């Protein structure tokens, strides 16, 4: 949802924001997740206290770190790398660039964002600067409420778009990005059971955000993304409120 925000008029130094878009899906028990036998499970909101019985309303959550719109920290796959709480604030508020691959994802659920997609984007919008976030928009959130979002086939292999490992390597080595994001369950394509892109990204100490919403509602260039990741010690990831402003 896009809205107008006016900065206070009576302060000295203010940030002027014309537009705000929430890039976060609401997390509910129905939200899809990567099925891993005996490990992953759906989100659950459990009443802990009620106004009627306790005079206060409160819930407990049954949740794992990689549910809903969330941030992955480098220690998710790489030993001795940064945990979620160790990510620097300056690395979580950065320029965001959106590369649209919806046209090829529409006809190929295994579509990948490639180096060619990046260079084509840069011909139109200019070179992606260091310390930026590159988001892939595949249009996949349109399938959030149907089986295509996870895309399991008869052999339990997942099918959804993602970054190619070479594209991630290029963004890390040639563009020195802060992080990447996708509108699907994982920034590795669903067919990659070894999560090779995760390992490349996290080896370099970068972060990734997954299940990002509304990427078609922000400019492809010119916005800033705010990744409000929870500050939990030793966490490998966590449900996050992600916001774009410009």
Foldseek 3Di string as FASTA:
>chain_A
DKDADQWDPPDDDTDHFGIKDWFFDDFDQQFDAQDDPPPDHGKDWAWDDDCVGHVDTDTDIDDAFQTGWKKFFLCLPDPPADAPLRDDQLLQKAWEAEQEPQVVCVVFQAAACEVVSQVVVCVPVNHQAASYEYEYERVLVVCRPDPLLQCQDPVGQGGHYAHDLNNLLCCCPVHNYQEYEYLGSDNNGSRPPPPNNSNSQSVSRHMYIYNTHDPVVDDSGDKIKHWAFDNDPPHRMHRTTIMITD
